[in-house]
């Protein structure tokens, strides 16, 4: 195993080469720390954005529930409009429409809040 201080083919390594290697290692460590800080700040921004976008719906808020393409025929609407009727501490939400109450419970990421109806 060879060390940085001596190499059998080139002779001893100069102090300037050792200094360049040390600076290079220091630069790599600095960039790794910068990358870790950037990833952390990006994760914080993403969490803040999802909290703003996916705010909890209140009682009687208007909601738009997408209909899955499998259950939809050509002329059927893509979304169902309803109102938020039951909410318990960010647990699944029950949605009602003109025709009645939807039997499924929805989490906040499964529907969109609609400011108007």
C-alpha atoms as a PDB file:
ATOM      1  CA  UNK A   1       0.000   0.000   0.000  1.00  0.00           C
ATOM      2  CA  UNK A   2       1.390   3.381  -0.972  1.00  0.00           C
ATOM      3  CA  UNK A   3       1.041   6.557   1.043  1.00  0.00           C
ATOM      4  CA  UNK A   4       0.763  10.152  -0.127  1.00  0.00           C
ATOM      5  CA  UNK A   5       4.232  11.011   1.118  1.00  0.00           C
ATOM      6  CA  UNK A   6       6.119   8.659  -1.180  1.00  0.00           C
ATOM      7  CA  UNK A   7       5.548   6.916  -4.456  1.00  0.00           C
ATOM      8  CA  UNK A   8       7.979   4.284  -5.746  1.00  0.00           C
ATOM      9  CA  UNK A   9       7.844   5.461  -9.369  1.00  0.00           C
ATOM     10  CA  UNK A  10       7.874   9.269  -8.990  1.00  0.00           C
ATOM     11  CA  UNK A  11       9.858   9.689  -5.855  1.00  0.00           C
ATOM     12  CA  UNK A  12       8.675  11.688  -2.841  1.00  0.00           C
ATOM     13  CA  UNK A  13       5.536  13.821  -3.204  1.00  0.00           C
ATOM     14  CA  UNK A  14       6.194  17.523  -2.830  1.00  0.00           C
ATOM     15  CA  UNK A  15       4.587  19.608  -0.119  1.00  0.00           C
ATOM     16  CA  UNK A  16       2.718  21.670  -2.741  1.00  0.00           C
ATOM     17  CA  UNK A  17       0.989  18.512  -4.002  1.00  0.00           C
ATOM     18  CA  UNK A  18       0.039  17.567  -0.440  1.00  0.00           C
ATOM     19  CA  UNK A  19      -1.308  21.068   0.040  1.00  0.00           C
ATOM     20  CA  UNK A  20      -3.393  20.831  -3.184  1.00  0.00           C
ATOM     21  CA  UNK A  21      -4.807  17.468  -2.120  1.00  0.00           C
ATOM     22  CA  UNK A  22      -5.716  18.846   1.311  1.00  0.00           C
ATOM     23  CA  UNK A  23      -7.415  21.876  -0.304  1.00  0.00           C
ATOM     24  CA  UNK A  24      -9.282  19.593  -2.686  1.00  0.00           C
ATOM     25  CA  UNK A  25     -10.553  17.436   0.197  1.00  0.00           C
ATOM     26  CA  UNK A  26     -11.584  20.568   2.098  1.00  0.00           C
ATOM     27  CA  UNK A  27     -13.481  21.827  -0.988  1.00  0.00           C
ATOM     28  CA  UNK A  28     -15.274  18.475  -1.374  1.00  0.00           C
ATOM     29  CA  UNK A  29     -16.378  18.540   2.278  1.00  0.00           C
ATOM     30  CA  UNK A  30     -17.596  22.157   1.908  1.00  0.00           C
ATOM     31  CA  UNK A  31     -19.655  21.257  -1.170  1.00  0.00           C
ATOM     32  CA  UNK A  32     -21.151  18.230   0.625  1.00  0.00           C
ATOM     33  CA  UNK A  33     -22.250  20.496   3.493  1.00  0.00           C
ATOM     34  CA  UNK A  34     -23.712  23.005   1.021  1.00  0.00           C
ATOM     35  CA  UNK A  35     -25.634  20.228  -0.754  1.00  0.00           C
ATOM     36  CA  UNK A  36     -27.006  18.913   2.551  1.00  0.00           C
ATOM     37  CA  UNK A  37     -28.089  22.435   3.568  1.00  0.00           C
ATOM     38  CA  UNK A  38     -29.757  22.978   0.180  1.00  0.00           C
ATOM     39  CA  UNK A  39     -31.659  19.682   0.446  1.00  0.00           C
ATOM     40  CA  UNK A  40     -32.829  20.556   3.955  1.00  0.00           C
ATOM     41  CA  UNK A  41     -34.044  24.004   2.917  1.00  0.00           C
ATOM     42  CA  UNK A  42     -35.839  22.533  -0.128  1.00  0.00           C
ATOM     43  CA  UNK A  43     -37.578  19.969   2.104  1.00  0.00           C
ATOM     44  CA  UNK A  44     -38.698  22.733   4.474  1.00  0.00           C
ATOM     45  CA  UNK A  45     -40.100  24.751   1.538  1.00  0.00           C
ATOM     46  CA  UNK A  46     -41.950  21.691   0.203  1.00  0.00           C
ATOM     47  CA  UNK A  47     -43.552  20.997   3.596  1.00  0.00           C
ATOM     48  CA  UNK A  48     -44.599  24.647   3.956  1.00  0.00           C
ATOM     49  CA  UNK A  49     -46.090  24.588   0.459  1.00  0.00           C
ATOM     50  CA  UNK A  50     -48.064  21.408   1.103  1.00  0.00           C
ATOM     51  CA  UNK A  51     -49.447  22.871   4.337  1.00  0.00           C
ATOM     52  CA  UNK A  52     -50.660  25.927   2.435  1.00  0.00           C
ATOM     53  CA  UNK A  53     -52.012  23.957  -0.549  1.00  0.00           C
ATOM     54  CA  UNK A  54     -53.620  21.212   1.520  1.00  0.00           C
ATOM     55  CA  UNK A  55     -55.144  23.271   4.301  1.00  0.00           C
ATOM     56  CA  UNK A  56     -57.763  21.439   6.316  1.00  0.00           C
ATOM     57  CA  UNK A  57     -61.289  21.972   5.068  1.00  0.00           C
ATOM     58  CA  UNK A  58     -63.834  23.381   7.499  1.00  0.00           C
ATOM     59  CA  UNK A  59     -67.437  22.313   7.955  1.00  0.00           C
ATOM     60  CA  UNK A  60     -69.590  23.268   4.911  1.00  0.00           C
ATOM     61  CA  UNK A  61     -66.619  24.088   2.660  1.00  0.00           C
ATOM     62  CA  UNK A  62     -67.218  23.299  -1.003  1.00  0.00           C
ATOM     63  CA  UNK A  63     -65.255  20.326  -2.308  1.00  0.00           C
ATOM     64  CA  UNK A  64     -64.494  18.860  -5.739  1.00  0.00           C
ATOM     65  CA  UNK A  65     -63.888  15.099  -5.822  1.00  0.00           C
ATOM     66  CA  UNK A  66     -62.402  13.661  -9.035  1.00  0.00           C
ATOM     67  CA  UNK A  67     -64.127  10.608 -10.511  1.00  0.00           C
ATOM     68  CA  UNK A  68     -61.638   7.868 -11.439  1.00  0.00           C
ATOM     69  CA  UNK A  69     -61.407   7.256 -15.214  1.00  0.00           C
ATOM     70  CA  UNK A  70     -62.291   3.590 -14.688  1.00  0.00           C
ATOM     71  CA  UNK A  71     -65.702   4.473 -13.238  1.00  0.00           C
ATOM     72  CA  UNK A  72     -66.480   7.209 -15.767  1.00  0.00           C
ATOM     73  CA  UNK A  73     -68.131   6.846 -19.141  1.00  0.00           C
ATOM     74  CA  UNK A  74     -67.567   9.203 -22.042  1.00  0.00           C
ATOM     75  CA  UNK A  75     -70.340  11.675 -21.154  1.00  0.00           C
ATOM     76  CA  UNK A  76     -69.976  11.558 -17.362  1.00  0.00           C
ATOM     77  CA  UNK A  77     -68.508  14.516 -15.471  1.00  0.00           C
ATOM     78  CA  UNK A  78     -64.871  14.357 -14.418  1.00  0.00           C
ATOM     79  CA  UNK A  79     -65.576  15.776 -10.944  1.00  0.00           C
ATOM     80  CA  UNK A  80     -68.328  15.643  -8.351  1.00  0.00           C
ATOM     81  CA  UNK A  81     -69.173  18.823  -6.449  1.00  0.00           C
ATOM     82  CA  UNK A  82     -70.121  18.475  -2.811  1.00  0.00           C
ATOM     83  CA  UNK A  83     -69.859  20.000   0.638  1.00  0.00           C
ATOM     84  CA  UNK A  84     -67.725  19.025   3.587  1.00  0.00           C
ATOM     85  CA  UNK A  85     -70.113  17.759   6.284  1.00  0.00           C
ATOM     86  CA  UNK A  86     -67.970  15.889   8.772  1.00  0.00           C
ATOM     87  CA  UNK A  87     -64.389  16.484   9.866  1.00  0.00           C
ATOM     88  CA  UNK A  88     -62.567  15.143  12.922  1.00  0.00           C
ATOM     89  CA  UNK A  89     -59.029  16.444  13.509  1.00  0.00           C
ATOM     90  CA  UNK A  90     -57.647  15.927   9.985  1.00  0.00           C
ATOM     91  CA  UNK A  91     -59.041  12.404   9.761  1.00  0.00           C
ATOM     92  CA  UNK A  92     -61.037  11.281   6.754  1.00  0.00           C
ATOM     93  CA  UNK A  93     -63.706  13.719   5.678  1.00  0.00           C
ATOM     94  CA  UNK A  94     -67.288  12.887   4.688  1.00  0.00           C
ATOM     95  CA  UNK A  95     -68.668  14.756   1.662  1.00  0.00           C
ATOM     96  CA  UNK A  96     -72.335  15.284   0.747  1.00  0.00           C
ATOM     97  CA  UNK A  97     -73.887  16.265  -2.593  1.00  0.00           C
ATOM     98  CA  UNK A  98     -77.402  17.066  -3.793  1.00  0.00           C
ATOM     99  CA  UNK A  99     -78.162  13.375  -4.334  1.00  0.00           C
ATOM    100  CA  UNK A 100     -76.981  12.324  -0.856  1.00  0.00           C
ATOM    101  CA  UNK A 101     -73.914  11.537   1.204  1.00  0.00           C
ATOM    102  CA  UNK A 102     -70.964   9.817  -0.492  1.00  0.00           C
ATOM    103  CA  UNK A 103     -70.270   6.528   1.274  1.00  0.00           C
ATOM    104  CA  UNK A 104     -66.480   6.855   1.028  1.00  0.00           C
ATOM    105  CA  UNK A 105     -64.378   8.913   3.409  1.00  0.00           C
ATOM    106  CA  UNK A 106     -61.725  11.163   1.842  1.00  0.00           C
ATOM    107  CA  UNK A 107     -58.365  12.322   3.117  1.00  0.00           C
ATOM    108  CA  UNK A 108     -57.321  15.876   2.343  1.00  0.00           C
ATOM    109  CA  UNK A 109     -55.161  14.960  -0.654  1.00  0.00           C
ATOM    110  CA  UNK A 110     -58.039  13.154  -2.417  1.00  0.00           C
ATOM    111  CA  UNK A 111     -60.169  16.233  -3.098  1.00  0.00           C
ATOM    112  CA  UNK A 112     -59.774  19.948  -3.797  1.00  0.00           C
ATOM    113  CA  UNK A 113     -61.438  22.813  -1.978  1.00  0.00           C
ATOM    114  CA  UNK A 114     -63.502  24.977  -4.267  1.00  0.00           C
ATOM    115  CA  UNK A 115     -64.114  28.665  -3.356  1.00  0.00           C
ATOM    116  CA  UNK A 116     -67.364  28.807  -5.318  1.00  0.00           C
ATOM    117  CA  UNK A 117     -70.002  26.349  -6.412  1.00  0.00           C
END
